[in-house]
Amino acid sequence: MYRLTPKENLLRMFDGEIPEYLPFYDFWGWGAGLPFQTGEKSADGYPIDEFGIEYTTTDASMGGMMPVPGRILLEDVTKWRDVIKTPDLSGMDWERLAKDALKDKDVEHNPIVLHNAGYFMTLMNMMGFVNGLCAMQEEPEEVYALFDYLCEYYLERERALLKYFHGDVYELADDTAAQNCPFISAQVYRDLVKPFHKREADLARNAGLKIAMHDCGRAECFIDDWLDIGVQLWEPAQVSNDIQGIKRKYGRRLIIAGGWDNQGPISYPETSDEELREELIRYIDRMAPEGGFCYLVSVVGRDSDEPFQRKMKLVRDVYEEYGKDWYRNHGY
């Protein structure tokens, strides 16, 4: 039997200790917050978010929502005041929203990870990557002003989340990197994005929450800045980063939730179950020593596909059979 609940065990890691057992980072099960979709649709039938950005999905994105190609909400960043309007939240029934969001979650035993929204990716979704990246280089003052405007809205949402959702972790999210390199320099991040991540992190930390960061791609150049604003956990920490070097450099100061090759051949549908099992064991043996690690694994496929379902069951089975008691079995 374990003395600690999954919530207590995870928070123990945030305190810099070796966990009682290896945490399984349940991104979807632990997450709570507001959906970006409004329930409304555009004239063409696409879901839209609170700003009016139209979204769609494909099999290739495995259900992930992306802006509809060719639909640009904001053409000229200097005109953002005429185009971008944040919603009025004064009439939101936050108590009901929280009750609905948490009704199927075991909040006594499992942590609640609160999610809000980002800045870099919101700008890209509004303008498209070409226009958005050019705006950050050519009109940084306007981008900063837009982010400041968005931040006030996100902070209003955050205050409500903190009051009604009773979270344990506040996770910032901004995909500032592609697979092999960041989209922006560390200096651009410091100048245009970090100040607003910091405002959100400060509010959550002052309310007693731990701070996490979701950032896909090769984002390791931002780690020192994340630590500076209080981030203690990074997911999914993809393998295009120097994961072992990061573990050596930062130790338990930065929890790696992930570090799994979720885009490489080992995660493809045609990879045999035995190959996947063997690599999962090597993954745990590589990442678990000295702590600062949460098991977080995904493979390529759609939820409805039988191979995907089988492989994700195998992912869970390896965790239960080999990974969960790794620290106990290795003398920690």
Protein backbone atom coordinates (compact mmCIF):
# COMPACT_ATOMS: atom_id res chain seq x y z
CA MET A 1 0.00 0.00 0.00
CA TYR A 2 1.07 3.57 -0.64
CA ARG A 3 0.97 6.25 2.04
CA LEU A 4 0.63 9.14 -0.39
CA THR A 5 -2.20 9.94 -2.77
CA PRO A 6 -1.26 10.86 -6.36
CA LYS A 7 -1.80 14.51 -5.38
CA GLU A 8 0.48 14.27 -2.34
CA ASN A 9 3.06 12.31 -4.32
CA LEU A 10 3.20 14.88 -7.11
CA LEU A 11 3.40 17.80 -4.69
CA ARG A 12 6.24 16.01 -2.93
CA MET A 13 8.17 16.18 -6.20
CA PHE A 14 7.45 19.90 -6.47
CA ASP A 15 9.07 20.20 -3.05
CA GLY A 16 12.25 18.70 -4.50
CA GLU A 17 11.93 15.27 -2.90
CA ILE A 18 12.05 11.76 -4.32
CA PRO A 19 8.45 10.59 -4.74
CA GLU A 20 7.10 7.57 -2.91
CA TYR A 21 6.28 6.10 -6.32
CA LEU A 22 6.80 7.24 -9.88
CA PRO A 23 4.02 9.69 -10.81
CA PHE A 24 1.96 9.04 -13.93
CA TYR A 25 1.25 12.54 -15.26
CA ASP A 26 -2.42 12.33 -16.25
CA PHE A 27 -2.62 15.38 -18.53
CA TRP A 28 -6.28 14.96 -19.46
CA GLY A 29 -7.55 13.44 -16.23
CA TRP A 30 -6.01 16.08 -13.98
CA GLY A 31 -6.60 19.08 -16.21
CA ALA A 32 -9.33 21.64 -15.61
CA GLY A 33 -10.13 25.04 -17.05
CA LEU A 34 -12.18 26.66 -19.77
CA PRO A 35 -12.51 25.32 -23.32
CA PHE A 36 -11.37 27.79 -25.94
CA GLN A 37 -14.43 27.05 -28.04
CA THR A 38 -17.60 29.03 -27.37
CA GLY A 39 -20.07 26.47 -28.63
CA GLU A 40 -20.78 28.80 -31.55
CA LYS A 41 -19.87 28.14 -35.17
CA SER A 42 -18.87 30.30 -38.09
CA ALA A 43 -21.02 30.68 -41.19
CA ASP A 44 -19.11 27.74 -42.69
CA GLY A 45 -19.75 25.54 -39.69
CA TYR A 46 -16.34 25.77 -38.03
CA PRO A 47 -16.08 26.04 -34.23
CA ILE A 48 -14.88 29.45 -33.10
CA ASP A 49 -13.13 30.62 -29.95
CA GLU A 50 -13.89 33.68 -27.86
CA PHE A 51 -11.95 35.94 -30.25
CA GLY A 52 -13.61 34.61 -33.40
CA ILE A 53 -10.77 32.39 -34.63
CA GLU A 54 -12.14 29.49 -36.68
CA TYR A 55 -10.79 26.00 -35.93
CA THR A 56 -10.78 22.60 -37.57
CA THR A 57 -9.05 19.25 -37.18
CA THR A 58 -7.76 16.37 -39.30
CA ASP A 59 -6.79 12.75 -38.79
CA ALA A 60 -3.15 13.81 -38.95
CA SER A 61 -3.56 16.10 -35.94
CA MET A 62 -5.20 13.26 -33.96
CA GLY A 63 -8.10 15.48 -32.92
CA GLY A 64 -6.02 18.54 -32.12
CA MET A 65 -7.74 21.77 -33.13
CA MET A 66 -5.90 24.17 -35.45
CA PRO A 67 -6.95 27.42 -37.16
CA VAL A 68 -8.69 26.87 -40.48
CA PRO A 69 -6.03 27.36 -43.22
CA GLY A 70 -6.34 30.67 -44.99
CA ARG A 71 -8.70 32.21 -42.43
CA ILE A 72 -6.83 35.16 -40.92
CA LEU A 73 -8.54 37.07 -38.13
CA LEU A 74 -5.94 39.84 -37.76
CA GLU A 75 -4.10 40.98 -40.88
CA ASP A 76 -2.30 44.01 -39.40
CA VAL A 77 -1.16 43.92 -35.78
CA THR A 78 -1.33 47.72 -35.55
CA LYS A 79 -5.11 47.38 -36.06
CA TRP A 80 -5.63 44.89 -33.23
CA ARG A 81 -7.69 47.35 -31.16
CA ASP A 82 -10.31 47.40 -33.91
CA VAL A 83 -10.44 43.63 -34.32
CA ILE A 84 -9.69 41.89 -31.01
CA LYS A 85 -12.31 42.17 -28.29
CA THR A 86 -12.13 40.06 -25.15
CA PRO A 87 -15.41 38.70 -23.79
CA ASP A 88 -17.30 40.17 -20.87
CA LEU A 89 -16.95 37.59 -18.08
CA SER A 90 -19.12 39.39 -15.53
CA GLY A 91 -22.11 37.14 -16.18
CA MET A 92 -20.25 33.82 -16.02
CA ASP A 93 -21.63 31.28 -13.55
CA TRP A 94 -18.21 30.14 -12.38
CA GLU A 95 -19.58 28.03 -9.58
CA ARG A 96 -21.64 25.96 -12.03
CA LEU A 97 -18.76 25.74 -14.52
CA ALA A 98 -16.45 24.44 -11.81
CA LYS A 99 -19.01 21.95 -10.56
CA ASP A 100 -19.54 20.59 -14.07
CA ALA A 101 -15.80 20.43 -14.80
CA LEU A 102 -14.90 18.66 -11.57
CA LYS A 103 -17.89 16.36 -11.11
CA ASP A 104 -16.10 13.30 -12.51
CA LYS A 105 -12.69 14.04 -10.96
CA ASP A 106 -11.41 12.59 -7.70
CA VAL A 107 -10.26 15.93 -6.33
CA GLU A 108 -9.50 14.49 -2.91
CA HIS A 109 -6.84 12.09 -4.18
CA ASN A 110 -5.74 13.51 -7.56
CA PRO A 111 -4.23 16.91 -8.27
CA ILE A 112 -6.13 19.51 -10.26
CA VAL A 113 -4.00 21.18 -12.94
CA LEU A 114 -5.51 24.49 -14.06
CA HIS A 115 -5.08 25.59 -17.69
CA ASN A 116 -5.64 29.03 -19.15
CA ALA A 117 -4.26 30.18 -22.51
CA GLY A 118 -1.07 31.51 -24.13
CA TYR A 119 0.28 34.55 -25.93
CA PHE A 120 2.65 33.43 -28.67
CA MET A 121 0.30 30.76 -29.98
CA THR A 122 -2.74 33.02 -29.67
CA LEU A 123 -0.99 35.59 -31.84
CA MET A 124 -0.07 32.91 -34.39
CA ASN A 125 -3.67 31.66 -34.40
CA MET A 126 -4.95 35.19 -34.95
CA MET A 127 -2.48 36.19 -37.66
CA GLY A 128 -0.97 33.01 -39.08
CA PHE A 129 2.70 32.17 -38.54
CA VAL A 130 4.16 34.37 -41.27
CA ASN A 131 2.26 37.50 -40.26
CA GLY A 132 2.59 36.73 -36.55
CA LEU A 133 6.36 36.22 -36.60
CA CYS A 134 6.83 39.31 -38.76
CA ALA A 135 4.71 41.32 -36.34
CA MET A 136 6.92 40.29 -33.41
CA GLN A 137 9.99 41.53 -35.30
CA GLU A 138 8.57 44.61 -36.99
CA GLU A 139 6.00 45.88 -34.47
CA PRO A 140 7.11 44.66 -31.04
CA GLU A 141 5.45 47.56 -29.23
CA GLU A 142 2.08 46.69 -30.74
CA VAL A 143 2.53 43.00 -29.98
CA TYR A 144 3.40 43.88 -26.39
CA ALA A 145 0.28 46.07 -26.14
CA LEU A 146 -1.90 43.26 -27.52
CA PHE A 147 -0.38 40.76 -25.08
CA ASP A 148 -0.97 43.19 -22.22
CA TYR A 149 -4.63 43.43 -23.25
CA LEU A 150 -4.92 39.63 -23.47
CA CYS A 151 -3.19 39.25 -20.13
CA GLU A 152 -5.80 41.34 -18.33
CA TYR A 153 -8.45 38.99 -19.71
CA TYR A 154 -6.47 35.87 -18.83
CA LEU A 155 -5.86 37.17 -15.31
CA GLU A 156 -9.58 37.72 -14.85
CA ARG A 157 -10.17 34.13 -15.91
CA GLU A 158 -7.35 32.95 -13.67
CA ARG A 159 -8.79 34.66 -10.60
CA ALA A 160 -12.05 32.83 -11.18
CA LEU A 161 -10.27 29.51 -11.75
CA LEU A 162 -8.31 29.94 -8.54
CA LYS A 163 -11.43 30.82 -6.56
CA TYR A 164 -13.79 28.14 -7.83
CA PHE A 165 -11.67 25.28 -9.20
CA HIS A 166 -9.32 24.93 -6.20
CA GLY A 167 -6.34 23.81 -8.23
CA ASP A 168 -3.01 22.44 -7.08
CA VAL A 169 -0.92 23.28 -10.17
CA TYR A 170 -1.23 26.17 -12.61
CA GLU A 171 0.09 25.22 -16.02
CA LEU A 172 1.16 27.89 -18.47
CA ALA A 173 0.99 26.86 -22.12
CA ASP A 174 2.71 28.42 -25.12
CA ASP A 175 4.23 26.37 -27.94
CA THR A 176 7.14 28.68 -28.71
CA ALA A 177 9.21 26.03 -30.52
CA ALA A 178 9.12 23.73 -33.53
CA GLN A 179 10.54 20.22 -33.35
CA ASN A 180 14.13 21.20 -34.13
CA CYS A 181 14.41 24.85 -33.11
CA PRO A 182 12.51 27.60 -31.31
CA PHE A 183 10.23 29.88 -33.30
CA ILE A 184 11.59 32.92 -31.47
CA SER A 185 14.83 33.76 -29.69
CA ALA A 186 15.19 33.67 -25.93
CA GLN A 187 15.54 37.46 -26.01
CA VAL A 188 12.26 37.92 -27.89
CA TYR A 189 10.63 35.61 -25.35
CA ARG A 190 12.02 37.73 -22.50
CA ASP A 191 10.88 40.96 -24.10
CA LEU A 192 7.42 40.04 -25.34
CA VAL A 193 6.10 36.90 -23.65
CA LYS A 194 7.81 36.31 -20.33
CA PRO A 195 6.38 39.42 -18.60
CA PHE A 196 2.87 38.05 -19.07
CA HIS A 197 3.72 34.49 -18.16
CA LYS A 198 5.22 35.97 -15.00
CA ARG A 199 2.07 37.88 -14.11
CA GLU A 200 0.01 34.72 -14.36
CA ALA A 201 2.59 32.64 -12.49
CA ASP A 202 2.85 35.23 -9.70
CA LEU A 203 -0.91 35.25 -9.19
CA ALA A 204 -1.09 31.46 -9.00
CA ARG A 205 1.98 31.07 -6.82
CA ASN A 206 0.70 33.69 -4.37
CA ALA A 207 -2.46 31.60 -4.11
CA GLY A 208 -0.35 28.58 -3.13
CA LEU A 209 -0.26 26.71 -6.44
CA LYS A 210 2.74 25.11 -8.10
CA ILE A 211 3.70 26.27 -11.60
CA ALA A 212 4.11 24.08 -14.69
CA MET A 213 4.81 24.82 -18.35
CA HIS A 214 3.50 23.13 -21.49
CA ASP A 215 5.78 23.85 -24.43
CA CYS A 216 6.29 21.43 -27.32
CA GLY A 217 9.33 21.29 -29.55
CA ARG A 218 12.95 22.22 -28.89
CA ALA A 219 12.30 24.81 -26.21
CA GLU A 220 15.27 24.23 -23.90
CA CYS A 221 16.64 27.74 -24.51
CA PHE A 222 13.73 29.11 -22.47
CA ILE A 223 14.27 26.98 -19.36
CA ASP A 224 16.27 29.52 -17.33
CA ASP A 225 13.55 32.11 -17.93
CA TRP A 226 10.85 29.63 -16.91
CA LEU A 227 12.69 28.88 -13.68
CA ASP A 228 13.01 32.60 -13.08
CA ILE A 229 9.21 32.98 -12.99
CA GLY A 230 8.70 29.94 -10.80
CA VAL A 231 8.12 27.08 -13.24
CA GLN A 232 9.03 23.73 -11.70
CA LEU A 233 7.61 21.20 -14.19
CA TRP A 234 7.87 21.03 -17.97
CA GLU A 235 5.82 18.83 -20.24
CA PRO A 236 6.05 17.14 -22.70
CA ALA A 237 9.82 17.86 -22.91
CA GLN A 238 10.23 16.24 -26.30
CA VAL A 239 13.39 14.36 -27.22
CA SER A 240 14.64 16.95 -29.71
CA ASN A 241 15.86 18.65 -26.54
CA ASP A 242 18.94 17.44 -24.68
CA ILE A 243 16.85 15.74 -22.03
CA GLN A 244 19.71 14.00 -20.22
CA GLY A 245 21.79 17.18 -20.23
CA ILE A 246 18.82 19.08 -18.82
CA LYS A 247 18.39 16.51 -16.05
CA ARG A 248 22.08 16.78 -15.15
CA LYS A 249 22.05 20.59 -15.19
CA TYR A 250 18.84 21.26 -13.28
CA GLY A 251 18.30 18.11 -11.25
CA ARG A 252 15.08 18.22 -9.25
CA ARG A 253 14.67 21.97 -9.81
CA LEU A 254 12.86 21.09 -13.04
CA ILE A 255 10.55 18.10 -13.18
CA ILE A 256 10.49 16.47 -16.60
CA ALA A 257 6.99 15.20 -17.33
CA GLY A 258 7.64 13.35 -20.54
CA GLY A 259 10.97 13.01 -22.28
CA TRP A 260 9.42 10.27 -24.42
CA ASP A 261 9.90 10.05 -28.19
CA ASN A 262 6.23 10.53 -29.08
CA GLN A 263 6.96 11.31 -32.75
CA GLY A 264 9.64 8.77 -33.59
CA PRO A 265 9.34 5.23 -34.99
CA ILE A 266 8.95 3.71 -31.53
CA SER A 267 5.56 5.43 -31.30
CA TYR A 268 4.34 4.45 -34.79
CA PRO A 269 1.36 2.07 -35.13
CA GLU A 270 3.45 -0.53 -37.01
CA THR A 271 6.00 -0.85 -34.18
CA SER A 272 5.58 -4.19 -32.41
CA ASP A 273 4.20 -4.28 -28.90
CA GLU A 274 7.35 -6.04 -27.69
CA GLU A 275 9.60 -3.32 -29.09
CA LEU A 276 7.42 -0.69 -27.42
CA ARG A 277 7.48 -2.52 -24.09
CA GLU A 278 11.28 -2.84 -24.12
CA GLU A 279 11.73 0.84 -24.97
CA LEU A 280 9.29 1.91 -22.24
CA ILE A 281 11.40 0.05 -19.69
CA ARG A 282 14.59 1.67 -21.01
CA TYR A 283 12.81 5.04 -20.90
CA ILE A 284 11.95 4.61 -17.23
CA ASP A 285 15.45 3.40 -16.36
CA ARG A 286 16.92 6.40 -18.17
CA MET A 287 14.65 9.07 -16.71
CA ALA A 288 13.77 7.95 -13.18
CA PRO A 289 17.18 8.04 -11.40
CA GLU A 290 17.47 10.86 -8.84
CA GLY A 291 13.82 11.88 -9.27
CA GLY A 292 12.46 14.93 -11.05
CA PHE A 293 10.51 12.79 -13.52
CA CYS A 294 6.87 12.00 -14.28
CA TYR A 295 5.90 9.18 -16.62
CA LEU A 296 4.10 10.77 -19.59
CA VAL A 297 3.85 8.73 -22.79
CA SER A 298 1.77 9.03 -25.94
CA VAL A 299 1.91 7.14 -29.22
CA VAL A 300 0.79 8.04 -32.73
CA GLY A 301 -2.81 7.25 -33.61
CA ARG A 302 -6.45 8.15 -33.14
CA ASP A 303 -8.41 7.35 -30.00
CA SER A 304 -10.82 5.21 -32.00
CA ASP A 305 -8.12 3.02 -33.58
CA GLU A 306 -7.67 -0.43 -32.06
CA PRO A 307 -3.81 -0.37 -32.38
CA PHE A 308 -3.74 2.97 -30.56
CA GLN A 309 -5.98 1.70 -27.79
CA ARG A 310 -3.91 -1.48 -27.43
CA LYS A 311 -0.63 0.40 -27.29
CA MET A 312 -1.90 2.93 -24.76
CA LYS A 313 -3.07 0.03 -22.58
CA LEU A 314 0.46 -1.37 -22.88
CA VAL A 315 1.83 2.04 -21.84
CA ARG A 316 -0.32 1.90 -18.71
CA ASP A 317 0.54 -1.75 -18.02
CA VAL A 318 4.30 -1.12 -18.17
CA TYR A 319 3.86 1.73 -15.74
CA GLU A 320 1.88 -0.40 -13.29
CA GLU A 321 4.06 -3.49 -13.62
CA TYR A 322 7.51 -1.89 -13.80
CA GLY A 323 7.51 1.87 -13.43
CA LYS A 324 5.30 2.71 -10.48
CA ASP A 325 7.47 1.00 -7.85
CA TRP A 326 10.77 1.88 -9.53
CA TYR A 327 12.04 3.93 -6.59
CA ARG A 328 11.11 1.33 -4.03
CA ASN A 329 12.71 -1.42 -6.12
CA HIS A 330 15.91 0.58 -6.63
CA GLY A 331 16.60 1.43 -3.01
CA TYR A 332 15.40 5.04 -2.84
